[in-house]
Amino acid sequence: MIAKFDIQDLIVTNFTSYSISATEFINVELLSHFAPGLLSIKAPLTGCVSKKYPLSHIRFITCSMIRNMDTLKSIIKKCPALKYLEIREILLNDTHLNDADIEDLFQHENEHIEVLRFLFKNKISLTRGVFRIITKCRGLRILGDLKNWGIGENSFLSFTLQLRFHNFRVSVEYDGVIHYTDGYGGEILR
């Protein structure tokens, strides 16, 4: 494993981990203990963000994978400044992420998350799970990729029309393309 740290004014602000093995995870609690001023993490993560060592300044997290749902829950619930969250895979999960998990993750309002990208197969529905995310994350600008969520193209297109009709200002990613609900064209994200 190769780890890269960016340091500014003697504070570690960015951490990136490169690994050729799928079994090398970075413990998020250990990382927050030694680098409490982190702003950005790009690494496969395990463990939980703790109350003793919170990641109160973290703004960007990109994970090729996380070990389990507890890691995801702790990130969403205990990182108050988080603006961008991208997860490509959950390794040890008995079932696919579903609407009940979304209700648990987003019990309270979250004003900070602007981009939420779950790029793995899951069972989040449009009517319950996606609606919950959009209504609880008031600052959300981009949600995706809904193709990975098992949502068909026709359902997706009618959903974007509903977003426009109800004046939601969130753009939705489908198959790597961002669909803007305010009338602007799509943008390739890949």
N, C-alpha and C. Protein backbone atom coordinates (compact mmCIF):
# COMPACT_ATOMS: atom_id res chain seq x y z
N MET A 1 0.84 -1.16 0.00
CA MET A 1 0.00 0.00 0.00
C MET A 1 0.89 1.24 0.00
N ILE A 2 0.43 2.25 -0.75
CA ILE A 2 1.11 3.53 -0.78
C ILE A 2 0.15 4.56 -0.23
N ALA A 3 0.62 5.38 0.71
CA ALA A 3 -0.22 6.42 1.29
C ALA A 3 0.40 7.77 0.99
N LYS A 4 -0.45 8.72 0.64
CA LYS A 4 0.01 10.07 0.32
C LYS A 4 -0.70 11.05 1.26
N PHE A 5 0.07 11.88 1.93
CA PHE A 5 -0.46 12.91 2.83
C PHE A 5 -0.14 14.28 2.26
N ASP A 6 -1.10 15.20 2.29
CA ASP A 6 -0.84 16.59 1.97
C ASP A 6 -0.86 17.36 3.28
N ILE A 7 0.19 18.15 3.50
CA ILE A 7 0.31 18.88 4.75
C ILE A 7 0.30 20.38 4.47
N GLN A 8 -0.50 21.11 5.24
CA GLN A 8 -0.58 22.56 5.13
C GLN A 8 -0.50 23.15 6.53
N ASP A 9 0.45 24.02 6.77
CA ASP A 9 0.67 24.62 8.10
C ASP A 9 0.80 23.55 9.19
N LEU A 10 1.57 22.51 8.89
CA LEU A 10 1.85 21.39 9.80
C LEU A 10 0.60 20.58 10.17
N ILE A 11 -0.45 20.67 9.38
CA ILE A 11 -1.67 19.89 9.61
C ILE A 11 -1.92 19.03 8.38
N VAL A 12 -2.15 17.72 8.60
CA VAL A 12 -2.48 16.83 7.50
C VAL A 12 -3.88 17.17 7.04
N THR A 13 -4.02 17.60 5.77
CA THR A 13 -5.32 18.01 5.25
C THR A 13 -5.93 17.01 4.28
N ASN A 14 -5.09 16.26 3.57
CA ASN A 14 -5.59 15.29 2.59
C ASN A 14 -4.87 13.96 2.76
N PHE A 15 -5.63 12.88 2.63
CA PHE A 15 -5.04 11.55 2.72
C PHE A 15 -5.54 10.73 1.54
N THR A 16 -4.60 10.12 0.80
CA THR A 16 -4.94 9.25 -0.32
C THR A 16 -4.18 7.94 -0.15
N SER A 17 -4.88 6.83 -0.34
CA SER A 17 -4.26 5.52 -0.22
C SER A 17 -4.40 4.78 -1.55
N TYR A 18 -3.28 4.23 -2.01
CA TYR A 18 -3.28 3.41 -3.22
C TYR A 18 -2.89 2.00 -2.83
N SER A 19 -3.67 1.03 -3.31
CA SER A 19 -3.39 -0.35 -2.93
C SER A 19 -3.71 -1.27 -4.10
N ILE A 20 -2.92 -2.32 -4.24
CA ILE A 20 -3.22 -3.30 -5.27
C ILE A 20 -4.05 -4.45 -4.70
N SER A 21 -4.22 -4.47 -3.41
CA SER A 21 -4.99 -5.53 -2.75
C SER A 21 -6.35 -5.00 -2.31
N ALA A 22 -7.37 -5.80 -2.50
CA ALA A 22 -8.72 -5.40 -2.11
C ALA A 22 -8.96 -5.57 -0.61
N THR A 23 -7.98 -6.09 0.10
CA THR A 23 -8.18 -6.35 1.53
C THR A 23 -7.47 -5.34 2.43
N GLU A 24 -6.86 -4.34 1.86
CA GLU A 24 -6.16 -3.34 2.66
C GLU A 24 -7.06 -2.13 2.88
N PHE A 25 -7.58 -2.02 4.09
CA PHE A 25 -8.47 -0.92 4.45
C PHE A 25 -7.76 0.00 5.43
N ILE A 26 -8.15 1.25 5.44
CA ILE A 26 -7.63 2.23 6.39
C ILE A 26 -8.68 2.40 7.48
N ASN A 27 -8.25 2.27 8.73
CA ASN A 27 -9.18 2.44 9.84
C ASN A 27 -9.46 3.93 10.02
N VAL A 28 -10.71 4.31 9.84
CA VAL A 28 -11.08 5.72 9.87
C VAL A 28 -10.88 6.34 11.26
N GLU A 29 -11.06 5.57 12.33
CA GLU A 29 -10.83 6.10 13.68
C GLU A 29 -9.34 6.38 13.90
N LEU A 30 -8.50 5.48 13.47
CA LEU A 30 -7.05 5.67 13.59
C LEU A 30 -6.61 6.88 12.76
N LEU A 31 -7.14 7.00 11.57
CA LEU A 31 -6.81 8.12 10.71
C LEU A 31 -7.23 9.44 11.35
N SER A 32 -8.41 9.49 11.94
CA SER A 32 -8.88 10.73 12.57
C SER A 32 -8.10 11.05 13.84
N HIS A 33 -7.59 10.02 14.51
CA HIS A 33 -6.77 10.23 15.71
C HIS A 33 -5.45 10.93 15.36
N PHE A 34 -4.80 10.47 14.28
CA PHE A 34 -3.51 11.02 13.91
C PHE A 34 -3.58 12.23 12.98
N ALA A 35 -4.76 12.44 12.36
CA ALA A 35 -4.91 13.57 11.44
C ALA A 35 -6.29 14.21 11.63
N PRO A 36 -6.52 14.85 12.77
CA PRO A 36 -7.85 15.39 13.07
C PRO A 36 -8.28 16.55 12.17
N GLY A 37 -7.34 17.17 11.47
CA GLY A 37 -7.67 18.31 10.60
C GLY A 37 -7.92 17.93 9.15
N LEU A 38 -8.14 16.63 8.89
CA LEU A 38 -8.34 16.18 7.51
C LEU A 38 -9.51 16.90 6.85
N LEU A 39 -9.30 17.25 5.58
CA LEU A 39 -10.37 17.83 4.76
C LEU A 39 -10.84 16.86 3.69
N SER A 40 -9.96 15.92 3.31
CA SER A 40 -10.27 15.01 2.21
C SER A 40 -9.64 13.64 2.44
N ILE A 41 -10.42 12.59 2.14
CA ILE A 41 -9.92 11.21 2.21
C ILE A 41 -10.29 10.52 0.90
N LYS A 42 -9.30 9.84 0.32
CA LYS A 42 -9.53 8.95 -0.82
C LYS A 42 -8.88 7.64 -0.46
N ALA A 43 -9.69 6.69 0.03
CA ALA A 43 -9.13 5.42 0.50
C ALA A 43 -10.24 4.43 0.78
N PRO A 44 -9.94 3.14 0.75
CA PRO A 44 -10.90 2.14 1.24
C PRO A 44 -10.91 2.21 2.77
N LEU A 45 -12.10 2.29 3.36
CA LEU A 45 -12.19 2.53 4.80
C LEU A 45 -12.86 1.40 5.55
N THR A 46 -12.46 1.27 6.82
CA THR A 46 -13.09 0.36 7.76
C THR A 46 -13.19 1.09 9.10
N GLY A 47 -13.90 0.50 10.04
CA GLY A 47 -14.04 1.12 11.36
C GLY A 47 -15.08 2.22 11.35
N CYS A 48 -15.16 2.93 12.46
CA CYS A 48 -16.18 3.97 12.61
C CYS A 48 -15.56 5.26 13.10
N VAL A 49 -16.15 6.35 12.69
CA VAL A 49 -15.76 7.66 13.21
C VAL A 49 -16.25 7.70 14.65
N SER A 50 -15.37 8.06 15.58
CA SER A 50 -15.76 8.03 16.99
C SER A 50 -16.04 9.43 17.52
N LYS A 51 -16.72 9.49 18.65
CA LYS A 51 -16.97 10.77 19.30
C LYS A 51 -15.67 11.36 19.84
N LYS A 52 -14.76 10.48 20.27
CA LYS A 52 -13.50 10.93 20.84
C LYS A 52 -12.60 11.59 19.77
N TYR A 53 -12.63 11.04 18.54
CA TYR A 53 -11.81 11.57 17.45
C TYR A 53 -12.71 11.84 16.23
N PRO A 54 -13.54 12.88 16.31
CA PRO A 54 -14.43 13.15 15.18
C PRO A 54 -13.68 13.74 13.99
N LEU A 55 -14.23 13.54 12.83
CA LEU A 55 -13.68 14.18 11.64
C LEU A 55 -14.54 15.41 11.35
N SER A 56 -14.43 16.41 12.21
CA SER A 56 -15.33 17.55 12.14
C SER A 56 -15.04 18.50 10.98
N HIS A 57 -13.87 18.39 10.35
CA HIS A 57 -13.53 19.28 9.24
C HIS A 57 -13.60 18.61 7.89
N ILE A 58 -13.79 17.29 7.86
CA ILE A 58 -13.75 16.54 6.60
C ILE A 58 -14.85 17.03 5.65
N ARG A 59 -14.45 17.28 4.40
CA ARG A 59 -15.42 17.78 3.41
C ARG A 59 -15.62 16.82 2.25
N PHE A 60 -14.60 16.01 1.93
CA PHE A 60 -14.66 15.13 0.78
C PHE A 60 -14.21 13.72 1.15
N ILE A 61 -15.03 12.73 0.86
CA ILE A 61 -14.64 11.33 1.06
C ILE A 61 -14.99 10.56 -0.21
N THR A 62 -13.97 9.91 -0.76
CA THR A 62 -14.14 9.03 -1.91
C THR A 62 -13.57 7.67 -1.51
N CYS A 63 -14.42 6.65 -1.53
CA CYS A 63 -13.99 5.30 -1.13
C CYS A 63 -14.18 4.32 -2.27
N SER A 64 -13.12 3.63 -2.62
CA SER A 64 -13.28 2.55 -3.58
C SER A 64 -14.16 1.47 -2.96
N MET A 65 -14.04 1.31 -1.65
CA MET A 65 -14.94 0.41 -0.92
C MET A 65 -14.87 0.71 0.56
N ILE A 66 -15.95 0.37 1.23
CA ILE A 66 -15.95 0.41 2.69
C ILE A 66 -16.24 -1.01 3.16
N ARG A 67 -15.78 -1.31 4.35
CA ARG A 67 -15.87 -2.68 4.83
C ARG A 67 -17.30 -3.11 5.14
N ASN A 68 -18.09 -2.22 5.77
CA ASN A 68 -19.46 -2.60 6.12
C ASN A 68 -20.34 -1.37 6.33
N MET A 69 -21.61 -1.60 6.62
CA MET A 69 -22.58 -0.52 6.79
C MET A 69 -22.27 0.38 7.98
N ASP A 70 -21.66 -0.16 9.04
CA ASP A 70 -21.35 0.66 10.21
C ASP A 70 -20.40 1.81 9.85
N THR A 71 -19.47 1.54 8.94
CA THR A 71 -18.56 2.59 8.50
C THR A 71 -19.33 3.70 7.80
N LEU A 72 -20.22 3.32 6.89
CA LEU A 72 -21.03 4.30 6.17
C LEU A 72 -21.91 5.11 7.12
N LYS A 73 -22.55 4.44 8.06
CA LYS A 73 -23.41 5.13 9.03
C LYS A 73 -22.62 6.15 9.84
N SER A 74 -21.44 5.76 10.30
CA SER A 74 -20.66 6.69 11.13
C SER A 74 -20.18 7.89 10.32
N ILE A 75 -19.86 7.69 9.06
CA ILE A 75 -19.43 8.80 8.21
C ILE A 75 -20.56 9.80 8.02
N ILE A 76 -21.73 9.31 7.67
CA ILE A 76 -22.86 10.21 7.40
C ILE A 76 -23.32 10.91 8.68
N LYS A 77 -23.33 10.19 9.78
CA LYS A 77 -23.87 10.76 11.02
C LYS A 77 -22.86 11.60 11.81
N LYS A 78 -21.55 11.35 11.65
CA LYS A 78 -20.57 12.00 12.52
C LYS A 78 -19.57 12.89 11.79
N CYS A 79 -19.85 13.23 10.55
CA CYS A 79 -18.98 14.14 9.81
C CYS A 79 -19.82 15.34 9.38
N PRO A 80 -19.97 16.33 10.28
CA PRO A 80 -20.92 17.42 10.05
C PRO A 80 -20.59 18.35 8.89
N ALA A 81 -19.35 18.41 8.46
CA ALA A 81 -18.97 19.33 7.37
C ALA A 81 -18.89 18.62 6.01
N LEU A 82 -19.24 17.34 5.95
CA LEU A 82 -19.10 16.54 4.74
C LEU A 82 -19.97 17.08 3.61
N LYS A 83 -19.32 17.38 2.47
CA LYS A 83 -20.03 17.91 1.31
C LYS A 83 -20.11 16.88 0.18
N TYR A 84 -19.09 16.04 0.04
CA TYR A 84 -19.02 15.10 -1.08
C TYR A 84 -18.75 13.70 -0.54
N LEU A 85 -19.64 12.76 -0.87
CA LEU A 85 -19.44 11.36 -0.46
C LEU A 85 -19.67 10.46 -1.66
N GLU A 86 -18.63 9.70 -1.98
CA GLU A 86 -18.71 8.72 -3.07
C GLU A 86 -18.24 7.38 -2.55
N ILE A 87 -19.10 6.38 -2.67
CA ILE A 87 -18.77 5.01 -2.26
C ILE A 87 -18.96 4.11 -3.47
N ARG A 88 -17.92 3.36 -3.81
CA ARG A 88 -18.01 2.48 -4.98
C ARG A 88 -18.48 1.07 -4.62
N GLU A 89 -18.25 0.64 -3.38
CA GLU A 89 -18.66 -0.72 -2.99
C GLU A 89 -18.69 -0.85 -1.48
N ILE A 90 -19.65 -1.64 -0.99
CA ILE A 90 -19.66 -2.06 0.42
C ILE A 90 -19.30 -3.52 0.42
N LEU A 91 -18.19 -3.88 1.07
CA LEU A 91 -17.65 -5.23 0.97
C LEU A 91 -18.45 -6.26 1.76
N LEU A 92 -18.60 -6.05 3.06
CA LEU A 92 -19.27 -7.05 3.90
C LEU A 92 -20.66 -6.57 4.29
N ASN A 93 -21.60 -6.76 3.40
CA ASN A 93 -22.97 -6.36 3.66
C ASN A 93 -23.87 -7.54 3.35
N ASP A 94 -24.66 -8.00 4.32
CA ASP A 94 -25.52 -9.16 4.13
C ASP A 94 -26.55 -8.94 3.04
N THR A 95 -27.10 -7.76 2.99
CA THR A 95 -28.11 -7.43 1.99
C THR A 95 -27.69 -6.16 1.27
N HIS A 96 -28.38 -5.87 0.18
CA HIS A 96 -28.12 -4.61 -0.52
C HIS A 96 -28.65 -3.45 0.31
N LEU A 97 -28.01 -2.30 0.18
CA LEU A 97 -28.49 -1.08 0.81
C LEU A 97 -29.93 -0.87 0.36
N ASN A 98 -30.83 -0.59 1.30
CA ASN A 98 -32.24 -0.48 0.94
C ASN A 98 -32.89 0.74 1.60
N ASP A 99 -34.20 0.87 1.42
CA ASP A 99 -34.92 2.04 1.94
C ASP A 99 -34.84 2.15 3.46
N ALA A 100 -34.91 1.03 4.16
CA ALA A 100 -34.81 1.06 5.63
C ALA A 100 -33.45 1.59 6.06
N ASP A 101 -32.39 1.19 5.34
CA ASP A 101 -31.04 1.71 5.64
C ASP A 101 -30.98 3.21 5.41
N ILE A 102 -31.60 3.68 4.34
CA ILE A 102 -31.61 5.11 4.02
C ILE A 102 -32.35 5.88 5.12
N GLU A 103 -33.47 5.34 5.59
CA GLU A 103 -34.20 5.99 6.68
C GLU A 103 -33.35 6.07 7.94
N ASP A 104 -32.56 5.04 8.20
CA ASP A 104 -31.68 5.04 9.36
C ASP A 104 -30.53 6.04 9.17
N LEU A 105 -29.96 6.09 7.96
CA LEU A 105 -28.85 7.01 7.69
C LEU A 105 -29.28 8.47 7.74
N PHE A 106 -30.47 8.75 7.27
CA PHE A 106 -30.93 10.13 7.16
C PHE A 106 -32.16 10.36 8.05
N GLN A 107 -31.99 10.12 9.35
CA GLN A 107 -33.06 10.37 10.31
C GLN A 107 -33.26 11.86 10.52
N HIS A 108 -32.19 12.62 10.42
CA HIS A 108 -32.23 14.05 10.69
C HIS A 108 -31.84 14.83 9.44
N GLU A 109 -32.15 16.10 9.46
CA GLU A 109 -31.79 16.98 8.34
C GLU A 109 -30.26 17.01 8.19
N ASN A 110 -29.81 17.08 6.95
CA ASN A 110 -28.39 17.20 6.66
C ASN A 110 -28.23 18.33 5.65
N GLU A 111 -27.76 19.47 6.12
CA GLU A 111 -27.63 20.66 5.27
C GLU A 111 -26.34 20.66 4.45
N HIS A 112 -25.37 19.82 4.80
CA HIS A 112 -24.03 19.94 4.22
C HIS A 112 -23.79 19.09 2.98
N ILE A 113 -24.34 17.89 2.91
CA ILE A 113 -24.03 17.01 1.77
C ILE A 113 -24.58 17.63 0.48
N GLU A 114 -23.66 17.87 -0.46
CA GLU A 114 -24.02 18.42 -1.76
C GLU A 114 -24.00 17.37 -2.86
N VAL A 115 -23.08 16.40 -2.73
CA VAL A 115 -22.96 15.34 -3.73
C VAL A 115 -22.96 14.00 -3.01
N LEU A 116 -23.88 13.13 -3.41
CA LEU A 116 -23.98 11.79 -2.82
C LEU A 116 -24.01 10.79 -3.96
N ARG A 117 -22.94 9.99 -4.07
CA ARG A 117 -22.83 9.02 -5.16
C ARG A 117 -22.59 7.63 -4.58
N PHE A 118 -23.60 6.77 -4.69
CA PHE A 118 -23.46 5.36 -4.35
C PHE A 118 -23.34 4.63 -5.68
N LEU A 119 -22.15 4.14 -6.00
CA LEU A 119 -21.88 3.54 -7.30
C LEU A 119 -21.86 2.03 -7.24
N PHE A 120 -22.69 1.46 -6.38
CA PHE A 120 -22.79 0.02 -6.23
C PHE A 120 -24.26 -0.37 -6.30
N LYS A 121 -24.50 -1.65 -6.59
CA LYS A 121 -25.89 -2.13 -6.66
C LYS A 121 -26.55 -2.01 -5.30
N ASN A 122 -27.78 -1.54 -5.31
CA ASN A 122 -28.52 -1.43 -4.06
C ASN A 122 -30.01 -1.56 -4.35
N LYS A 123 -30.81 -1.48 -3.33
CA LYS A 123 -32.26 -1.65 -3.47
C LYS A 123 -33.01 -0.41 -2.96
N ILE A 124 -32.48 0.76 -3.26
CA ILE A 124 -33.13 1.99 -2.86
C ILE A 124 -34.20 2.32 -3.90
N SER A 125 -35.43 2.53 -3.44
CA SER A 125 -36.53 2.82 -4.37
C SER A 125 -36.69 4.33 -4.58
N LEU A 126 -37.31 4.68 -5.69
CA LEU A 126 -37.57 6.10 -5.98
C LEU A 126 -38.56 6.70 -4.99
N THR A 127 -39.62 5.95 -4.72
CA THR A 127 -40.72 6.52 -3.92
C THR A 127 -40.39 6.68 -2.45
N ARG A 128 -39.53 5.85 -1.92
CA ARG A 128 -39.25 5.92 -0.49
C ARG A 128 -37.82 6.39 -0.21
N GLY A 129 -36.84 5.67 -0.70
CA GLY A 129 -35.44 5.97 -0.37
C GLY A 129 -34.91 7.24 -1.00
N VAL A 130 -35.09 7.39 -2.32
CA VAL A 130 -34.59 8.57 -3.00
C VAL A 130 -35.32 9.82 -2.50
N PHE A 131 -36.62 9.70 -2.31
CA PHE A 131 -37.39 10.83 -1.78
C PHE A 131 -36.87 11.23 -0.40
N ARG A 132 -36.55 10.26 0.43
CA ARG A 132 -36.02 10.54 1.77
C ARG A 132 -34.70 11.31 1.69
N ILE A 133 -33.81 10.86 0.82
CA ILE A 133 -32.52 11.53 0.65
C ILE A 133 -32.72 12.98 0.21
N ILE A 134 -33.56 13.17 -0.78
CA ILE A 134 -33.77 14.51 -1.34
C ILE A 134 -34.41 15.45 -0.31
N THR A 135 -35.34 14.95 0.47
CA THR A 135 -36.01 15.82 1.44
C THR A 135 -35.17 16.06 2.70
N LYS A 136 -34.32 15.13 3.09
CA LYS A 136 -33.50 15.29 4.29
C LYS A 136 -32.19 16.01 4.02
N CYS A 137 -31.69 15.94 2.80
CA CYS A 137 -30.43 16.60 2.43
C CYS A 137 -30.75 17.86 1.64
N ARG A 138 -31.05 18.93 2.35
CA ARG A 138 -31.51 20.18 1.72
C ARG A 138 -30.46 20.83 0.82
N GLY A 139 -29.19 20.57 1.07
CA GLY A 139 -28.13 21.16 0.25
C GLY A 139 -27.71 20.29 -0.92
N LEU A 140 -28.37 19.14 -1.10
CA LEU A 140 -27.99 18.18 -2.13
C LEU A 140 -28.11 18.79 -3.52
N ARG A 141 -27.04 18.66 -4.30
CA ARG A 141 -27.04 19.15 -5.69
C ARG A 141 -26.97 18.01 -6.69
N ILE A 142 -26.25 16.92 -6.34
CA ILE A 142 -26.11 15.79 -7.26
C ILE A 142 -26.32 14.49 -6.50
N LEU A 143 -27.17 13.62 -7.06
CA LEU A 143 -27.45 12.30 -6.50
C LEU A 143 -27.26 11.27 -7.59
N GLY A 144 -26.55 10.18 -7.29
CA GLY A 144 -26.38 9.18 -8.34
C GLY A 144 -25.62 7.96 -7.85
N ASP A 145 -25.33 7.09 -8.68
CA ASP A 145 -25.81 6.88 -10.04
C ASP A 145 -27.02 5.96 -9.98
N LEU A 146 -28.19 6.46 -10.35
CA LEU A 146 -29.43 5.72 -10.17
C LEU A 146 -29.54 4.47 -11.03
N LYS A 147 -28.74 4.35 -12.08
CA LYS A 147 -28.75 3.10 -12.85
C LYS A 147 -28.24 1.95 -11.99
N ASN A 148 -27.23 2.21 -11.18
CA ASN A 148 -26.72 1.17 -10.27
C ASN A 148 -27.73 0.80 -9.20
N TRP A 149 -28.71 1.64 -8.99
CA TRP A 149 -29.69 1.43 -7.94
C TRP A 149 -30.84 0.53 -8.41
N GLY A 150 -30.75 0.03 -9.64
CA GLY A 150 -31.79 -0.86 -10.16
C GLY A 150 -33.03 -0.10 -10.64
N ILE A 151 -32.89 1.18 -10.88
CA ILE A 151 -34.01 1.99 -11.35
C ILE A 151 -33.95 2.03 -12.87
N GLY A 152 -35.04 1.61 -13.50
CA GLY A 152 -35.09 1.56 -14.96
C GLY A 152 -35.10 2.95 -15.59
N GLU A 153 -34.76 2.99 -16.86
CA GLU A 153 -34.65 4.27 -17.56
C GLU A 153 -35.99 5.02 -17.63
N ASN A 154 -37.08 4.32 -17.91
CA ASN A 154 -38.39 4.98 -17.97
C ASN A 154 -38.79 5.56 -16.63
N SER A 155 -38.57 4.80 -15.56
CA SER A 155 -38.87 5.31 -14.21
C SER A 155 -38.01 6.52 -13.90
N PHE A 156 -36.75 6.44 -14.30
CA PHE A 156 -35.84 7.55 -14.06
C PHE A 156 -36.31 8.81 -14.77
N LEU A 157 -36.69 8.69 -16.04
CA LEU A 157 -37.11 9.86 -16.81
C LEU A 157 -38.37 10.49 -16.22
N SER A 158 -39.32 9.68 -15.81
CA SER A 158 -40.53 10.25 -15.20
C SER A 158 -40.19 10.88 -13.84
N PHE A 159 -39.22 10.31 -13.15
CA PHE A 159 -38.78 10.87 -11.87
C PHE A 159 -38.18 12.26 -12.06
N THR A 160 -37.34 12.43 -13.09
CA THR A 160 -36.74 13.75 -13.33
C THR A 160 -37.82 14.78 -13.67
N LEU A 161 -38.86 14.36 -14.38
CA LEU A 161 -39.97 15.28 -14.66
C LEU A 161 -40.68 15.68 -13.37
N GLN A 162 -40.85 14.74 -12.45
CA GLN A 162 -41.46 15.05 -11.16
C GLN A 162 -40.60 16.03 -10.35
N LEU A 163 -39.29 15.84 -10.42
CA LEU A 163 -38.39 16.76 -9.72
C LEU A 163 -38.56 18.18 -10.25
N ARG A 164 -38.62 18.31 -11.57
CA ARG A 164 -38.82 19.63 -12.17
C ARG A 164 -40.17 20.21 -11.76
N PHE A 165 -41.19 19.39 -11.82
CA PHE A 165 -42.54 19.85 -11.50
C PHE A 165 -42.64 20.37 -10.07
N HIS A 166 -41.96 19.70 -9.15
CA HIS A 166 -42.00 20.10 -7.73
C HIS A 166 -40.88 21.07 -7.35
N ASN A 167 -40.17 21.57 -8.35
CA ASN A 167 -39.11 22.59 -8.16
C ASN A 167 -37.96 22.15 -7.26
N PHE A 168 -37.63 20.86 -7.28
CA PHE A 168 -36.43 20.41 -6.58
C PHE A 168 -35.22 20.85 -7.40
N ARG A 169 -34.19 21.30 -6.76
CA ARG A 169 -32.99 21.80 -7.44
C ARG A 169 -31.87 20.78 -7.41
N VAL A 170 -32.19 19.51 -7.42
CA VAL A 170 -31.16 18.47 -7.39
C VAL A 170 -31.01 17.89 -8.79
N SER A 171 -29.76 17.64 -9.19
CA SER A 171 -29.47 16.99 -10.45
C SER A 171 -29.22 15.52 -10.15
N VAL A 172 -29.64 14.67 -11.09
CA VAL A 172 -29.59 13.24 -10.84
C VAL A 172 -28.72 12.56 -11.90
N GLU A 173 -27.82 11.70 -11.43
CA GLU A 173 -26.92 10.98 -12.32
C GLU A 173 -27.55 9.64 -12.69
N TYR A 174 -27.49 9.33 -14.00
CA TYR A 174 -27.97 8.04 -14.49
C TYR A 174 -26.99 7.55 -15.55
N ASP A 175 -26.37 6.42 -15.32
CA ASP A 175 -25.41 5.81 -16.24
C ASP A 175 -24.27 6.77 -16.60
N GLY A 176 -23.76 7.50 -15.58
CA GLY A 176 -22.62 8.37 -15.77
C GLY A 176 -22.93 9.74 -16.33
N VAL A 177 -24.21 10.02 -16.62
CA VAL A 177 -24.61 11.31 -17.16
C VAL A 177 -25.45 12.04 -16.12
N ILE A 178 -25.13 13.30 -15.87
CA ILE A 178 -25.91 14.08 -14.92
C ILE A 178 -27.05 14.75 -15.66
N HIS A 179 -28.26 14.56 -15.14
CA HIS A 179 -29.46 15.17 -15.71
C HIS A 179 -29.88 16.30 -14.79
N TYR A 180 -29.83 17.51 -15.32
CA TYR A 180 -30.18 18.68 -14.53
C TYR A 180 -31.69 18.86 -14.53
N THR A 181 -32.27 19.14 -13.39
CA THR A 181 -33.71 19.28 -13.29
C THR A 181 -34.16 20.72 -13.46
N ASP A 182 -33.20 21.61 -13.71
CA ASP A 182 -33.58 23.02 -13.90
C ASP A 182 -33.55 23.43 -15.36
N GLY A 183 -33.57 22.44 -16.28
CA GLY A 183 -33.67 22.74 -17.70
C GLY A 183 -32.35 22.77 -18.45
N TYR A 184 -31.23 22.63 -17.77
CA TYR A 184 -29.93 22.64 -18.46
C TYR A 184 -29.61 21.24 -18.95
N GLY A 185 -28.66 21.12 -19.86
CA GLY A 185 -28.30 19.85 -20.47
C GLY A 185 -27.53 18.94 -19.53
N GLY A 186 -27.34 17.69 -19.95
CA GLY A 186 -26.60 16.70 -19.17
C GLY A 186 -25.10 16.89 -19.31
N GLU A 187 -24.37 16.40 -18.35
CA GLU A 187 -22.92 16.53 -18.35
C GLU A 187 -22.33 15.15 -18.06
N ILE A 188 -21.34 14.75 -18.83
CA ILE A 188 -20.68 13.46 -18.60
C ILE A 188 -19.82 13.58 -17.34
N LEU A 189 -19.96 12.62 -16.41
CA LEU A 189 -19.22 12.67 -15.15
C LEU A 189 -18.06 11.70 -15.14
N ARG A 190 -18.03 10.73 -15.98
CA ARG A 190 -17.03 9.66 -15.93
C ARG A 190 -15.69 10.21 -16.00
